[in-house]
N, C-alpha and C. Protein backbone atom coordinates (compact mmCIF):
# COMPACT_ATOMS: atom_id res chain seq x y z
N UNK A 1 6.48 8.38 -13.60
CA UNK A 1 5.64 9.58 -13.47
C UNK A 1 4.06 8.67 -13.29
N UNK A 2 3.37 8.85 -12.28
CA UNK A 2 2.34 8.21 -12.26
C UNK A 2 1.77 8.19 -10.47
N UNK A 3 0.65 7.52 -10.43
CA UNK A 3 0.48 7.15 -8.92
C UNK A 3 -0.25 5.94 -8.79
N UNK A 4 -0.20 5.50 -7.43
CA UNK A 4 -0.99 4.04 -7.09
C UNK A 4 -2.03 4.28 -5.82
N UNK A 5 -2.93 3.48 -5.92
CA UNK A 5 -3.64 3.38 -4.19
C UNK A 5 -2.90 2.56 -3.92
N UNK A 6 -3.33 2.20 -2.47
CA UNK A 6 -3.06 1.12 -1.28
C UNK A 6 -4.39 0.80 -0.78
N UNK A 7 -4.72 -0.83 -0.79
CA UNK A 7 -5.83 -1.35 0.03
C UNK A 7 -5.76 -1.92 0.70
N UNK A 8 -6.45 -2.28 1.88
CA UNK A 8 -6.70 -3.16 3.03
C UNK A 8 -7.87 -3.75 3.46
N UNK A 9 -7.99 -4.82 4.12
CA UNK A 9 -9.49 -5.00 4.90
C UNK A 9 -9.79 -4.92 6.22
N UNK A 10 -10.80 -4.45 6.80
CA UNK A 10 -10.76 -4.34 8.37
C UNK A 10 -11.94 -4.44 8.28
N UNK A 11 -12.37 -4.66 9.49
CA UNK A 11 -11.83 -5.07 10.76
C UNK A 11 -11.29 -6.33 10.21
N UNK A 12 -10.34 -7.10 11.78
CA UNK A 12 -10.10 -8.04 11.72
C UNK A 12 -10.81 -9.22 11.36
N UNK A 13 -10.36 -10.47 10.56
CA UNK A 13 -11.36 -11.25 10.04
C UNK A 13 -11.93 -12.16 11.48
N UNK A 14 -11.42 -11.84 12.31
CA UNK A 14 -11.83 -12.59 13.75
C UNK A 14 -12.75 -12.15 14.70
N UNK A 15 -12.75 -10.28 14.16
CA UNK A 15 -14.27 -9.63 14.63
C UNK A 15 -15.13 -9.62 14.38
N UNK A 16 -15.00 -9.45 12.99
CA UNK A 16 -16.70 -9.43 11.58
C UNK A 16 -15.93 -10.06 10.48
N UNK A 17 -16.52 -9.88 9.98
CA UNK A 17 -16.12 -9.83 8.08
C UNK A 17 -15.80 -8.78 7.73
N UNK A 18 -14.28 -8.74 7.19
CA UNK A 18 -13.55 -7.21 6.69
C UNK A 18 -14.47 -6.87 5.12
N UNK A 19 -14.09 -5.66 5.15
CA UNK A 19 -14.51 -4.98 3.95
C UNK A 19 -13.29 -4.11 3.20
N UNK A 20 -13.26 -3.96 2.17
CA UNK A 20 -12.07 -3.76 1.37
C UNK A 20 -12.14 -1.93 1.59
N UNK A 21 -11.21 -1.51 2.04
CA UNK A 21 -11.04 0.25 2.13
C UNK A 21 -9.51 0.44 1.17
N UNK A 22 -9.21 1.52 0.40
CA UNK A 22 -8.60 1.86 -0.35
C UNK A 22 -8.31 3.27 -0.04
N UNK A 23 -7.00 3.76 -0.19
CA UNK A 23 -6.42 4.96 0.18
C UNK A 23 -6.71 5.96 -1.01
N UNK A 24 -6.67 7.56 -0.97
CA UNK A 24 -6.48 8.08 -2.51
C UNK A 24 -5.09 7.88 -2.89
N UNK A 25 -5.29 8.70 -4.11
CA UNK A 25 -4.37 8.61 -4.85
C UNK A 25 -3.03 8.90 -4.17
N UNK A 26 -1.69 8.14 -4.61
CA UNK A 26 -0.27 8.06 -3.85
C UNK A 26 0.55 8.82 -4.91
N UNK A 27 1.31 9.84 -5.07
CA UNK A 27 2.32 9.79 -6.42
C UNK A 27 3.33 8.90 -5.96
N UNK A 28 3.96 8.57 -7.08
CA UNK A 28 5.25 7.55 -7.40
C UNK A 28 6.00 8.00 -6.35
N UNK A 29 6.72 8.99 -6.28
CA UNK A 29 7.71 9.44 -5.24
C UNK A 29 7.36 10.28 -3.72
N UNK A 30 5.95 9.97 -3.27
CA UNK A 30 5.25 10.17 -1.82
C UNK A 30 6.66 10.36 -0.76
N UNK A 31 6.43 11.32 -0.01
CA UNK A 31 7.83 10.92 1.30
C UNK A 31 6.80 10.43 2.19
N UNK A 32 7.82 9.82 2.81
CA UNK A 32 7.24 9.00 3.68
C UNK A 32 6.07 9.20 4.78
N UNK A 33 6.36 10.92 5.52
CA UNK A 33 5.49 11.27 6.41
C UNK A 33 4.45 11.57 5.71
N UNK A 34 4.35 11.92 4.27
CA UNK A 34 2.66 12.20 3.70
C UNK A 34 2.17 10.72 3.80
N UNK A 35 3.13 9.75 3.33
CA UNK A 35 2.02 8.38 3.09
C UNK A 35 1.78 8.01 4.28
N UNK A 36 1.97 8.40 5.21
CA UNK A 36 1.55 7.90 6.76
C UNK A 36 0.47 8.35 6.91
N UNK A 37 0.25 9.97 6.81
CA UNK A 37 -0.81 10.57 6.69
C UNK A 37 -1.90 10.03 5.83
N UNK A 38 -1.66 9.60 4.77
CA UNK A 38 -2.74 9.31 3.76
C UNK A 38 -3.20 8.26 4.33
N UNK A 39 -2.22 7.12 4.51
CA UNK A 39 -3.04 5.82 5.48
C UNK A 39 -3.64 5.68 6.41
N UNK A 40 -3.18 6.57 7.50
CA UNK A 40 -4.00 7.10 8.58
C UNK A 40 -5.47 8.04 8.54
N UNK A 41 -5.49 8.43 7.50
CA UNK A 41 -6.54 8.95 7.14
C UNK A 41 -7.95 8.16 6.74
N UNK A 42 -7.74 6.76 6.43
CA UNK A 42 -8.80 6.22 5.77
C UNK A 42 -9.37 5.45 6.90
N UNK A 43 -10.51 6.10 6.97
CA UNK A 43 -11.71 5.83 8.24
C UNK A 43 -12.49 4.28 7.72
N UNK A 44 -12.79 3.79 8.97
CA UNK A 44 -13.57 2.68 8.62
C UNK A 44 -15.65 3.15 8.86
N UNK A 45 -16.02 2.38 8.27
CA UNK A 45 -17.39 2.48 8.50
C UNK A 45 -17.85 3.02 9.56
N UNK A 46 -17.32 2.29 10.56
CA UNK A 46 -17.99 2.89 11.84
C UNK A 46 -17.57 4.43 12.70
N UNK A 47 -16.64 5.07 11.90
CA UNK A 47 -16.62 6.43 11.97
C UNK A 47 -15.47 6.61 12.78
N UNK A 48 -15.11 5.50 13.58
CA UNK A 48 -14.24 5.98 14.79
C UNK A 48 -12.79 5.31 14.39
N UNK A 49 -12.73 4.23 13.57
CA UNK A 49 -11.67 3.13 13.48
C UNK A 49 -10.58 3.48 12.15
N UNK A 50 -9.84 3.54 12.23
CA UNK A 50 -8.69 3.75 11.32
C UNK A 50 -8.66 2.53 10.41
N UNK A 51 -9.38 2.38 9.26
CA UNK A 51 -8.87 0.83 8.72
C UNK A 51 -6.84 0.53 8.25
N UNK A 52 -6.27 1.11 8.06
CA UNK A 52 -4.81 0.78 8.13
C UNK A 52 -4.24 0.82 9.56
N UNK A 53 -5.13 1.80 10.63
CA UNK A 53 -4.43 1.60 11.64
C UNK A 53 -3.28 3.29 12.04
N UNK A 54 -3.05 2.65 13.15
CA UNK A 54 -1.62 3.77 12.90
C UNK A 54 -0.36 3.05 12.41
N UNK A 55 0.21 3.89 11.65
CA UNK A 55 2.07 3.12 10.84
C UNK A 55 2.56 4.03 11.18
N UNK A 56 3.75 3.27 10.70
CA UNK A 56 5.01 4.18 10.79
C UNK A 56 5.50 3.78 9.07
N UNK A 57 6.07 4.65 8.77
CA UNK A 57 6.57 4.92 7.08
C UNK A 57 7.78 5.17 7.00
N UNK A 58 8.67 4.36 6.36
CA UNK A 58 9.91 4.70 6.06
C UNK A 58 10.18 4.19 4.46
N UNK A 59 10.75 5.21 3.74
CA UNK A 59 11.03 5.65 2.07
C UNK A 59 12.92 5.10 1.77
N UNK A 60 12.99 4.53 1.39
CA UNK A 60 14.05 4.26 0.79
C UNK A 60 14.58 4.19 -0.88
N UNK A 61 15.47 4.66 -1.49
CA UNK A 61 15.70 4.58 -3.04
C UNK A 61 15.50 3.11 -3.07
N UNK A 62 14.82 2.80 -4.73
CA UNK A 62 14.98 1.20 -4.73
C UNK A 62 16.42 1.21 -5.67
N UNK A 63 17.02 -0.20 -5.32
CA UNK A 63 18.00 -0.21 -6.18
C UNK A 63 17.72 -1.98 -6.73
N UNK A 64 17.68 -2.31 -7.89
CA UNK A 64 17.21 -3.65 -8.03
C UNK A 64 18.52 -4.28 -7.64
N UNK A 65 18.24 -5.63 -7.23
CA UNK A 65 19.43 -6.22 -6.89
C UNK A 65 20.35 -6.84 -8.14
N UNK A 66 20.29 -6.78 -9.31
CA UNK A 66 21.07 -6.34 -10.45
C UNK A 66 21.50 -5.39 -10.86
N UNK A 67 21.88 -4.04 -10.05
CA UNK A 67 21.99 -2.83 -10.17
C UNK A 67 22.82 -2.46 -9.10
N UNK A 68 23.76 -1.44 -9.60
CA UNK A 68 24.81 -0.76 -8.55
C UNK A 68 24.09 0.56 -8.23
N UNK A 69 23.07 0.90 -8.82
CA UNK A 69 22.55 2.72 -8.22
C UNK A 69 21.35 2.75 -8.48
N UNK A 70 20.45 3.88 -7.92
CA UNK A 70 19.34 4.08 -7.90
C UNK A 70 18.75 3.76 -9.24
N UNK A 71 17.63 3.48 -9.27
CA UNK A 71 16.88 2.85 -10.26
C UNK A 71 15.56 4.28 -10.56
N UNK A 72 15.35 5.03 -9.46
CA UNK A 72 14.33 6.27 -10.16
C UNK A 72 13.30 5.97 -9.27
N UNK A 73 13.39 4.56 -8.54
CA UNK A 73 12.10 4.53 -7.72
C UNK A 73 12.05 4.44 -6.39
N UNK A 74 11.26 3.84 -5.50
CA UNK A 74 11.53 3.91 -4.38
C UNK A 74 10.92 3.03 -3.63
N UNK A 75 11.01 2.48 -2.25
CA UNK A 75 10.28 1.50 -1.88
C UNK A 75 10.06 1.75 -0.29
N UNK A 76 8.86 1.62 -0.17
CA UNK A 76 8.44 1.86 1.45
C UNK A 76 7.82 0.79 2.14
N UNK A 77 8.53 0.85 3.66
CA UNK A 77 8.14 0.12 4.29
C UNK A 77 7.32 0.56 5.11
N UNK A 78 6.31 -0.26 5.79
CA UNK A 78 4.92 0.01 6.41
C UNK A 78 5.24 -0.80 7.51
N UNK A 79 4.72 -0.16 9.16
CA UNK A 79 5.30 -1.11 10.20
C UNK A 79 3.45 -0.54 10.62
N UNK A 80 2.86 -1.52 10.81
CA UNK A 80 1.72 -1.55 11.58
C UNK A 80 1.82 -1.30 12.92
N UNK A 81 1.20 0.08 14.08
CA UNK A 81 1.69 0.31 15.32
C UNK A 81 0.24 -0.31 16.33
N UNK A 82 -0.51 -0.63 15.67
CA UNK A 82 -2.00 -0.76 16.46
C UNK A 82 -2.36 -1.45 15.87
N UNK A 83 -2.44 -2.31 14.68
CA UNK A 83 -3.22 -3.49 14.37
C UNK A 83 -3.21 -4.60 15.22
N UNK A 84 -3.94 -5.55 15.21
CA UNK A 84 -4.27 -6.77 16.21
C UNK A 84 -4.42 -7.64 15.51
N UNK A 85 -3.51 -8.57 15.82
CA UNK A 85 -3.88 -10.14 15.23
C UNK A 85 -3.13 -10.16 14.07
N UNK A 86 -3.48 -10.97 12.65
CA UNK A 86 -2.85 -11.05 11.52
C UNK A 86 -3.48 -9.89 10.50
N UNK A 87 -2.31 -8.95 10.21
CA UNK A 87 -2.67 -7.92 9.45
C UNK A 87 -2.56 -8.53 7.85
N UNK A 88 -3.92 -7.96 6.99
CA UNK A 88 -4.05 -8.76 5.85
C UNK A 88 -2.87 -7.93 5.38
N UNK A 89 -2.65 -8.58 4.03
CA UNK A 89 -1.94 -7.78 3.13
C UNK A 89 -2.29 -6.66 2.51
N UNK A 90 -1.62 -5.81 2.05
CA UNK A 90 -2.25 -4.58 1.13
C UNK A 90 -2.32 -4.79 -0.14
N UNK A 91 -2.96 -4.23 -1.11
CA UNK A 91 -3.48 -4.60 -1.87
C UNK A 91 -2.74 -3.20 -2.98
N UNK A 92 -2.42 -3.28 -4.24
CA UNK A 92 -2.06 -2.17 -5.11
C UNK A 92 -2.83 -1.95 -6.11
N UNK A 93 -2.99 -0.71 -6.36
CA UNK A 93 -3.59 -0.56 -7.82
C UNK A 93 -2.83 0.75 -8.36
N UNK A 94 -2.41 0.54 -9.66
CA UNK A 94 -1.32 1.99 -9.99
C UNK A 94 -1.97 2.00 -11.52
N UNK A 95 -1.62 3.14 -11.97
CA UNK A 95 -2.38 3.65 -13.38
C UNK A 95 -0.76 3.95 -14.23
N UNK A 96 0.26 3.18 -14.08
CA UNK A 96 1.52 3.49 -14.51
C UNK A 96 1.98 1.76 -14.76
N UNK A 97 2.93 1.92 -15.99
CA UNK A 97 3.51 0.81 -15.75
C UNK A 97 5.03 0.96 -15.35
N UNK A 98 5.32 0.07 -14.70
CA UNK A 98 6.75 -0.32 -13.65
C UNK A 98 7.85 -0.90 -14.70
N UNK A 99 8.84 -0.27 -15.45
CA UNK A 99 9.84 -1.34 -15.85
C UNK A 99 11.55 -1.05 -15.26
N UNK A 100 11.72 -2.41 -15.29
CA UNK A 100 13.02 -1.99 -14.56
C UNK A 100 13.78 -3.22 -15.62
N UNK A 101 15.06 -2.67 -16.37
CA UNK A 101 16.16 -3.15 -17.21
C UNK A 101 15.09 -3.75 -18.21
N UNK A 102 15.19 -5.27 -18.43
CA UNK A 102 14.38 -6.01 -19.29
C UNK A 102 12.74 -6.24 -19.21
N UNK A 103 12.91 -6.33 -17.83
CA UNK A 103 11.73 -6.50 -17.56
C UNK A 103 10.85 -5.87 -17.12
N UNK A 104 9.52 -6.18 -17.49
CA UNK A 104 8.59 -4.88 -16.43
C UNK A 104 7.37 -5.53 -16.00
N UNK A 105 6.53 -4.61 -15.28
CA UNK A 105 5.74 -5.45 -14.94
C UNK A 105 4.23 -4.09 -14.65
N UNK A 106 2.95 -4.52 -15.38
CA UNK A 106 2.36 -3.86 -15.63
C UNK A 106 1.22 -4.04 -14.70
N UNK A 107 0.88 -2.73 -14.04
CA UNK A 107 -0.09 -2.69 -12.84
C UNK A 107 -1.79 -2.45 -13.59
N UNK A 108 -2.61 -3.15 -13.71
CA UNK A 108 -4.07 -2.67 -13.95
C UNK A 108 -4.59 -2.12 -13.18
N UNK A 109 -5.21 -0.79 -13.24
CA UNK A 109 -5.99 -0.51 -12.14
C UNK A 109 -7.03 -0.81 -11.95
N UNK A 110 -7.63 -1.72 -12.93
CA UNK A 110 -8.90 -2.20 -12.96
C UNK A 110 -9.20 -3.55 -12.55
N UNK A 111 -7.45 -4.08 -11.78
CA UNK A 111 -7.90 -5.40 -12.01
C UNK A 111 -8.31 -5.97 -10.38
N UNK A 112 -9.28 -6.47 -10.05
CA UNK A 112 -9.56 -7.01 -9.01
C UNK A 112 -8.20 -7.44 -7.78
N UNK A 113 -8.65 -7.22 -6.32
CA UNK A 113 -7.52 -7.55 -5.60
C UNK A 113 -7.09 -8.79 -6.02
N UNK A 114 -5.80 -9.34 -5.50
CA UNK A 114 -5.11 -10.40 -5.43
C UNK A 114 -6.01 -11.57 -4.41
N UNK A 115 -6.18 -12.63 -5.30
CA UNK A 115 -6.95 -13.31 -4.25
C UNK A 115 -6.66 -13.85 -2.79
N UNK A 116 -5.70 -13.89 -2.79
CA UNK A 116 -4.90 -13.94 -1.10
C UNK A 116 -5.28 -12.59 0.12
N UNK A 117 -5.54 -11.35 -0.94
CA UNK A 117 -5.68 -10.61 -0.12
C UNK A 117 -6.62 -10.38 0.93
N UNK A 118 -6.61 -10.00 2.43
CA UNK A 118 -7.47 -10.12 3.07
C UNK A 118 -7.31 -11.64 3.81
N UNK A 119 -6.59 -12.71 3.38
CA UNK A 119 -6.80 -13.99 4.14
C UNK A 119 -5.87 -13.97 5.07
């Protein structure tokens, strides 16, 4: 159970200095069509541009490489349809701890974005 948010930097660094934009909360089991709408709803400061641009989203059940069945989570593939140039890596902020088998990854919602985000 839990939710997460995605972030991106817009516009392209070759246009002008990028700014960080965040989605609203996304449920851990969000449908692909709904995630697509959430990403496309994030408006840039100019009021006309979409920070993530137009996207296509696919969701598949997550099966860890060491397992043979569904782990109870999902993997989303986001294809950027309208972004120009080098698309920055999306950031993620979560308010839950994800654990698979004996290893876990705790995601801190207050942590700053990874230093490579937007590069």
